[in-house]
Structures are given as structure tokens and as C-alpha cells.
Amino acid sequence: MRPLTSARGPLASARLGLLPRPPNTAQHVRLSTRAEPTESALLVQDRDRIRWITLNRPRTLNALTLRDLDDLTDAVESAGTDPAVRAIALQGAGRAFCAGMNTRAFEGLDRAGARAVISRVARAVGSLRLSPKPTAVLMHGYCLGAGFEMALAADFRVAAPGTLAGLPETKVGIPSVVDAALLRHHVGLSLAKEMLLAGDVYPVERFGDFVNASSEGEHGLREAAEALLAKVTDLSPVVMKAQKELNEMWMNVPLSEAIERSIDVFADVFVHPATHEAIEKYNKKK
């Protein structure tokens, strides 16, 4: 793997961090008060039409810095315009996927500073949801805070058994925001309110069908993700982009408008020669 480079310079602030100690129950979480370095720790590798992005701060359970978030945004957005990339997978090195971000970043912020910080989080997390390419998050160990929001935002989730997930922000004294808004769609309103208000963490198995694929252990995560993404990497990039845009639009407009606008999207897809090639290829297989 190669380190990802970014046009952005180093950023002095760190982000919200929720670093749990290894628990013997799902409820034992402590918060990090240790400032994180600002150099990038992302690794990026393109292989078999999948862009693999790895959070690489294993000693801090992949707690994120602002630089990491900016570089993650760059890696996802550049994959979206790269014709050689058909899907994106985000994983974490070491014992956890992501323990969130460093809480020191929120000390002493005024309203404008708080808005600037959380807007950066929103762009990084939202890049997975808004990418024209299918996205997957590989979850193991801990998946907390902004890390869990990335899992909520992605198209697919692959998890190791016993992964602990949640949104502990209220324990810090701040609300869960941005893509935490998707939580009720994934787990239902009752559990979503409990998670958001109490700030506890839970075994991912508690969330029903939240996980698209699982592995027998941590070491099988990548293979499980490859098998899942193989279902979409052979499909037309034109239709993948259109379907993801439709999914996003359906979440945000009334039903009658969603149906009407989808008719236009369907017609627009037929402007692309790739659509006719895909239909012809499919019909030949019948």
C-alpha cells in the first residue's frame, strides 16, 4: 500500500475521539484526552477495481485527525472520477476499525469554530454516501462515533463477530449529528433514540440486518468484502451512479416527487452507450 498524499497542508486540530479500553462488557467506554498527530495515516491501494482505504493509526484504535478526514475525502472523491475504480472499501488496521475522533478538538470552540469542525466531519462521512461508486465499510473491534457514521453512510457493511458499535457523543457532552441522522432507518426509531440519548455501545448483532456480510473472524473480513463487492464491480458504472443518486433522492423528497424524478433519471441513463452495451450483454446471457 502507498500513503495517500493530499494537496491540503497539515492541520493543527484533531477531531472527536472516543477511545474505549478493551472491555469485558459492551458498556465500558473511556474517552481519549490525548492529542493526535496531524500527519496523514491513510493508506490507499487500488486492486481488482476496488479502492482499498485503510485507517492506519492502530495504537490509538484508528482515532481520526482532521488531516485523516481530509485525506479520506480526497481518496473517496478521486475514486469517484477514476474509471479504473468500480467500488470503494474502507477498513482499519490493528484491533479496531475506528474509535471515532479526538475530543481535544472541541475544547474552547465558539459557534463558528464548532461549525467549521463538524462540517469537515460531514464532508468526509458524506463522501461515502454520495460517491457514484458503491462503498463498503469493514467493521471489527470498535466502530464508534464518526467511524460508526461512516458505516451508516456506506452502501455495504461487512463485520467481524462481536464488533462493538455506537455513538457515545452524549457522554462527551455533544450531540451526534451529520450521518447519525440515518440511524433510525437502519435500526428503527426506538433503538435509535436509546443509542443517541444514552451513548452506549452495542454488539453489532443487535442491529438486525444492518450488516450485509460477516466473517468468521477478523482475518476473513477482506475476503468477505471482496465477495460482496464482486457483485457490483462487473456492473455498469453508469447504472451504479444513477442508482446511488436515486437512493439519495428517495431519502430526501416526498414519494410522488421521487417517482416522477426517477422517470427522468431512467431516461437519462439511456443517453450513455454503456447502457445499451449492458442490456445487449445481459440479453445474450439469457
Protein backbone atom coordinates (compact mmCIF):
# COMPACT_ATOMS: atom_id res chain seq x y z
CA MET A 1 0.00 0.00 0.00
CA ARG A 2 1.08 3.57 -0.55
CA PRO A 3 0.41 6.54 1.71
CA LEU A 4 -2.21 8.88 0.32
CA THR A 5 -0.95 12.35 -0.42
CA SER A 6 -3.13 15.40 -0.24
CA ALA A 7 -2.91 18.89 -1.64
CA ARG A 8 -4.05 20.18 1.74
CA GLY A 9 -1.43 21.12 4.29
CA PRO A 10 -1.18 19.73 7.84
CA LEU A 11 -3.99 20.74 10.14
CA ALA A 12 -3.26 21.58 13.73
CA SER A 13 -6.53 20.44 15.29
CA ALA A 14 -7.66 16.89 15.98
CA ARG A 15 -11.20 15.59 15.94
CA LEU A 16 -13.69 13.93 18.20
CA GLY A 17 -12.09 10.82 19.68
CA LEU A 18 -13.86 8.08 21.58
CA LEU A 19 -11.22 5.61 22.61
CA PRO A 20 -12.53 2.65 24.61
CA ARG A 21 -10.37 0.40 26.75
CA PRO A 22 -10.73 -3.33 25.98
CA PRO A 23 -13.96 -4.11 27.84
CA ASN A 24 -15.48 -7.24 29.29
CA THR A 25 -18.91 -5.81 28.57
CA ALA A 26 -20.20 -3.59 25.77
CA GLN A 27 -20.84 -0.69 28.15
CA HIS A 28 -17.28 0.13 29.29
CA VAL A 29 -16.03 3.08 27.26
CA ARG A 30 -13.48 5.71 28.18
CA LEU A 31 -12.62 8.86 26.28
CA SER A 32 -9.23 9.82 24.94
CA THR A 33 -7.67 13.06 26.13
CA ARG A 34 -4.54 12.53 24.11
CA ALA A 35 -3.98 14.86 21.18
CA GLU A 36 -3.35 13.11 17.89
CA PRO A 37 -0.59 13.86 15.36
CA THR A 38 -1.58 15.81 12.27
CA GLU A 39 0.35 13.86 9.62
CA SER A 40 -1.68 11.61 7.34
CA ALA A 41 -2.02 7.98 8.31
CA LEU A 42 -4.21 6.81 5.43
CA LEU A 43 -3.07 4.04 3.12
CA VAL A 44 -4.61 3.64 -0.33
CA GLN A 45 -4.38 0.71 -2.74
CA ASP A 46 -6.28 0.09 -5.98
CA ARG A 47 -6.63 -3.62 -6.68
CA ASP A 48 -9.06 -5.59 -8.83
CA ARG A 49 -11.14 -2.46 -9.49
CA ILE A 50 -11.60 -1.78 -5.76
CA ARG A 51 -10.01 1.17 -3.97
CA TRP A 52 -8.92 -0.04 -0.53
CA ILE A 53 -8.57 2.78 2.00
CA THR A 54 -7.00 1.85 5.33
CA LEU A 55 -7.10 3.91 8.52
CA ASN A 56 -3.63 3.30 9.90
CA ARG A 57 -3.34 4.52 13.49
CA PRO A 58 -3.60 1.13 15.22
CA ARG A 59 -2.05 2.30 18.52
CA THR A 60 -5.00 4.66 19.01
CA LEU A 61 -7.62 2.33 17.52
CA ASN A 62 -7.56 4.47 14.37
CA ALA A 63 -8.78 7.64 16.05
CA LEU A 64 -9.07 10.26 13.33
CA THR A 65 -7.36 13.60 12.90
CA LEU A 66 -8.58 16.40 10.67
CA ARG A 67 -5.84 15.52 8.20
CA ASP A 68 -7.11 11.93 8.08
CA LEU A 69 -10.62 13.19 7.33
CA ASP A 70 -9.43 15.47 4.56
CA ASP A 71 -7.35 12.70 3.02
CA LEU A 72 -10.25 10.26 3.29
CA THR A 73 -12.44 12.75 1.43
CA ASP A 74 -9.78 13.10 -1.27
CA ALA A 75 -9.37 9.33 -1.63
CA VAL A 76 -13.11 8.71 -1.95
CA GLU A 77 -13.81 11.65 -4.26
CA SER A 78 -10.88 10.87 -6.57
CA ALA A 79 -12.07 7.26 -6.80
CA GLY A 80 -15.42 8.58 -7.92
CA THR A 81 -13.87 10.07 -11.06
CA ASP A 82 -11.41 7.23 -11.76
CA PRO A 83 -12.81 4.85 -14.42
CA ALA A 84 -10.48 2.08 -13.24
CA VAL A 85 -12.16 2.04 -9.81
CA ARG A 86 -15.57 0.38 -9.57
CA ALA A 87 -16.01 0.23 -5.78
CA ILE A 88 -14.51 1.61 -2.56
CA ALA A 89 -13.72 -0.28 0.65
CA LEU A 90 -12.74 1.39 3.94
CA GLN A 91 -11.02 -0.65 6.66
CA GLY A 92 -8.98 -0.15 9.83
CA ALA A 93 -5.56 -1.53 10.74
CA GLY A 94 -4.98 -3.29 14.05
CA ARG A 95 -7.56 -4.14 16.71
CA ALA A 96 -10.39 -1.85 15.60
CA PHE A 97 -11.98 -0.25 12.59
CA CYS A 98 -12.29 3.23 14.12
CA ALA A 99 -12.79 4.54 17.64
CA GLY A 100 -14.00 7.92 16.42
CA MET A 101 -12.08 11.18 16.78
CA ASN A 102 -10.17 13.09 19.40
CA THR A 103 -12.24 15.14 21.85
CA ARG A 104 -9.48 17.71 22.37
CA ALA A 105 -10.57 19.38 19.13
CA PHE A 106 -13.75 20.59 20.81
CA GLU A 107 -12.14 22.39 23.73
CA GLY A 108 -12.73 26.15 23.66
CA LEU A 109 -14.57 26.28 20.33
CA ASP A 110 -17.02 29.08 19.66
CA ARG A 111 -20.03 28.61 17.41
CA ALA A 112 -18.13 29.36 14.20
CA GLY A 113 -15.27 27.03 15.14
CA ALA A 114 -17.65 24.22 16.07
CA ARG A 115 -19.48 24.60 12.79
CA ALA A 116 -16.22 24.50 10.81
CA VAL A 117 -15.05 21.35 12.59
CA ILE A 118 -18.26 19.38 12.22
CA SER A 119 -18.64 20.49 8.59
CA ARG A 120 -15.33 18.78 7.86
CA VAL A 121 -16.60 15.62 9.52
CA ALA A 122 -19.78 15.83 7.46
CA ARG A 123 -17.88 16.07 4.19
CA ALA A 124 -15.66 13.08 4.96
CA VAL A 125 -18.50 10.87 6.15
CA GLY A 126 -20.85 12.04 3.42
CA SER A 127 -18.30 11.27 0.70
CA LEU A 128 -19.04 7.56 1.21
CA ARG A 129 -22.77 8.08 0.85
CA LEU A 130 -22.55 10.46 -2.11
CA SER A 131 -19.82 8.70 -4.10
CA PRO A 132 -21.02 7.46 -7.52
CA LYS A 133 -19.21 4.18 -6.75
CA PRO A 134 -20.56 1.55 -4.32
CA THR A 135 -18.89 1.84 -0.92
CA ALA A 136 -18.27 -0.65 1.87
CA VAL A 137 -17.03 -0.31 5.45
CA LEU A 138 -15.27 -3.24 7.13
CA MET A 139 -16.05 -3.28 10.85
CA HIS A 140 -14.13 -5.06 13.60
CA GLY A 141 -13.24 -4.37 17.21
CA TYR A 142 -14.75 -0.93 17.78
CA CYS A 143 -16.80 1.17 15.36
CA LEU A 144 -17.70 4.35 17.22
CA GLY A 145 -18.65 7.98 16.68
CA ALA A 146 -17.63 9.21 13.25
CA GLY A 147 -16.45 5.68 12.43
CA PHE A 148 -19.97 4.38 13.01
CA GLU A 149 -21.38 7.25 10.96
CA MET A 150 -19.17 6.08 8.09
CA ALA A 151 -20.72 2.63 8.42
CA LEU A 152 -24.19 4.21 8.41
CA ALA A 153 -23.34 6.23 5.29
CA ALA A 154 -21.78 3.42 3.26
CA ASP A 155 -23.75 1.24 0.88
CA PHE A 156 -22.49 -2.01 2.43
CA ARG A 157 -21.26 -3.11 5.84
CA VAL A 158 -19.05 -6.14 6.48
CA ALA A 159 -18.47 -7.04 10.13
CA ALA A 160 -16.49 -9.44 12.28
CA PRO A 161 -18.50 -11.14 15.05
CA GLY A 162 -18.69 -9.17 18.27
CA THR A 163 -17.88 -5.79 16.74
CA LEU A 164 -18.96 -3.06 19.18
CA ALA A 165 -20.66 -0.06 17.62
CA GLY A 166 -22.36 3.08 18.79
CA LEU A 167 -22.50 6.85 19.09
CA PRO A 168 -21.09 7.84 22.52
CA GLU A 169 -21.09 11.59 21.84
CA THR A 170 -23.61 12.47 24.58
CA LYS A 171 -21.16 11.06 27.13
CA VAL A 172 -18.72 13.75 25.95
CA GLY A 173 -21.38 16.45 26.20
CA ILE A 174 -22.06 16.94 22.50
CA PRO A 175 -24.83 15.63 20.23
CA SER A 176 -24.47 13.03 17.49
CA VAL A 177 -25.07 14.78 14.16
CA VAL A 178 -24.50 14.54 10.39
CA ASP A 179 -24.98 10.94 9.17
CA ALA A 180 -26.22 9.82 12.58
CA ALA A 181 -29.49 11.04 11.04
CA LEU A 182 -29.54 7.73 9.14
CA LEU A 183 -29.54 5.64 12.32
CA ARG A 184 -33.32 5.24 12.64
CA HIS A 185 -33.52 3.97 9.07
CA HIS A 186 -31.07 1.20 9.90
CA VAL A 187 -32.10 0.14 13.42
CA GLY A 188 -35.60 1.56 13.95
CA LEU A 189 -36.73 4.63 15.86
CA SER A 190 -36.89 3.10 19.35
CA LEU A 191 -33.35 1.70 19.40
CA ALA A 192 -32.02 4.76 17.58
CA LYS A 193 -33.32 7.08 20.31
CA GLU A 194 -31.81 4.86 23.02
CA MET A 195 -28.44 4.83 21.27
CA LEU A 196 -28.40 8.56 20.61
CA LEU A 197 -29.52 9.61 24.09
CA ALA A 198 -27.68 7.09 26.29
CA GLY A 199 -24.49 6.98 24.23
CA ASP A 200 -23.89 3.28 24.95
CA VAL A 201 -22.18 0.84 22.59
CA TYR A 202 -23.65 -2.46 21.44
CA PRO A 203 -22.64 -5.67 19.69
CA VAL A 204 -23.37 -5.13 16.01
CA GLU A 205 -25.56 -8.25 16.04
CA ARG A 206 -28.12 -6.17 17.99
CA PHE A 207 -28.87 -4.16 14.84
CA GLY A 208 -30.64 -6.91 12.89
CA ASP A 209 -29.99 -6.72 9.16
CA PHE A 210 -27.59 -3.78 9.47
CA VAL A 211 -24.64 -5.94 8.33
CA ASN A 212 -24.62 -7.12 4.70
CA ALA A 213 -21.90 -9.74 5.14
CA SER A 214 -19.93 -11.17 8.03
CA SER A 215 -16.78 -13.20 8.51
CA GLU A 216 -15.98 -15.99 10.91
CA GLY A 217 -13.24 -13.82 12.38
CA GLU A 218 -11.36 -10.58 11.85
CA HIS A 219 -8.96 -12.11 9.32
CA GLY A 220 -11.76 -13.05 6.92
CA LEU A 221 -13.16 -9.53 6.63
CA ARG A 222 -11.36 -8.58 3.44
CA GLU A 223 -12.35 -11.81 1.69
CA ALA A 224 -15.98 -11.29 2.71
CA ALA A 225 -15.88 -7.73 1.42
CA GLU A 226 -14.30 -8.80 -1.87
CA ALA A 227 -17.04 -11.37 -2.40
CA LEU A 228 -19.74 -8.80 -1.70
CA LEU A 229 -18.24 -6.09 -3.90
CA ALA A 230 -17.72 -8.58 -6.73
CA LYS A 231 -21.50 -8.39 -7.19
CA VAL A 232 -21.24 -4.75 -8.29
CA THR A 233 -17.79 -4.30 -9.85
CA ASP A 234 -18.89 -6.05 -13.06
CA LEU A 235 -21.99 -3.90 -13.44
CA SER A 236 -22.27 -0.72 -15.48
CA PRO A 237 -20.73 2.30 -13.70
CA VAL A 238 -23.43 4.41 -15.34
CA VAL A 239 -26.21 2.47 -13.66
CA MET A 240 -24.33 2.34 -10.33
CA LYS A 241 -24.09 6.14 -10.32
CA ALA A 242 -27.74 6.54 -11.30
CA GLN A 243 -28.97 4.07 -8.70
CA LYS A 244 -26.96 5.71 -5.91
CA GLU A 245 -28.29 9.14 -6.88
CA LEU A 246 -31.82 7.73 -6.86
CA ASN A 247 -31.29 6.18 -3.42
CA GLU A 248 -30.16 9.55 -2.06
CA MET A 249 -33.02 11.42 -3.71
CA TRP A 250 -35.63 8.94 -2.42
CA MET A 251 -34.42 9.63 1.13
CA ASN A 252 -34.99 13.35 0.76
CA VAL A 253 -38.17 14.06 -1.21
CA PRO A 254 -41.87 13.09 -0.98
CA LEU A 255 -42.95 9.86 -2.66
CA SER A 256 -44.80 11.42 -5.60
CA GLU A 257 -41.83 13.63 -6.44
CA ALA A 258 -39.42 10.71 -6.03
CA ILE A 259 -41.38 8.65 -8.55
CA GLU A 260 -41.64 11.50 -11.06
CA ARG A 261 -37.94 12.37 -10.85
CA SER A 262 -36.93 8.74 -11.19
CA ILE A 263 -38.62 8.62 -14.60
CA ASP A 264 -36.27 11.35 -15.82
CA VAL A 265 -33.25 9.53 -14.39
CA PHE A 266 -34.28 6.34 -16.18
CA ALA A 267 -34.49 8.22 -19.49
CA ASP A 268 -31.16 9.97 -18.87
CA VAL A 269 -29.38 6.63 -18.40
CA PHE A 270 -30.19 5.70 -22.00
CA VAL A 271 -28.07 8.58 -23.29
CA HIS A 272 -24.98 6.52 -22.41
CA PRO A 273 -23.73 3.82 -24.81
CA ALA A 274 -22.73 1.75 -21.77
CA THR A 275 -26.42 1.21 -21.03
CA HIS A 276 -27.11 -0.32 -24.44
CA GLU A 277 -23.96 -2.44 -24.15
CA ALA A 278 -25.05 -3.73 -20.75
CA ILE A 279 -28.56 -4.60 -21.99
CA GLU A 280 -27.17 -6.39 -25.03
CA LYS A 281 -24.72 -8.32 -22.86
CA TYR A 282 -27.48 -9.33 -20.47
CA ASN A 283 -29.81 -10.46 -23.25
CA LYS A 284 -27.08 -12.62 -24.78
CA LYS A 285 -26.74 -14.50 -21.49
CA LYS A 286 -30.44 -15.35 -21.36
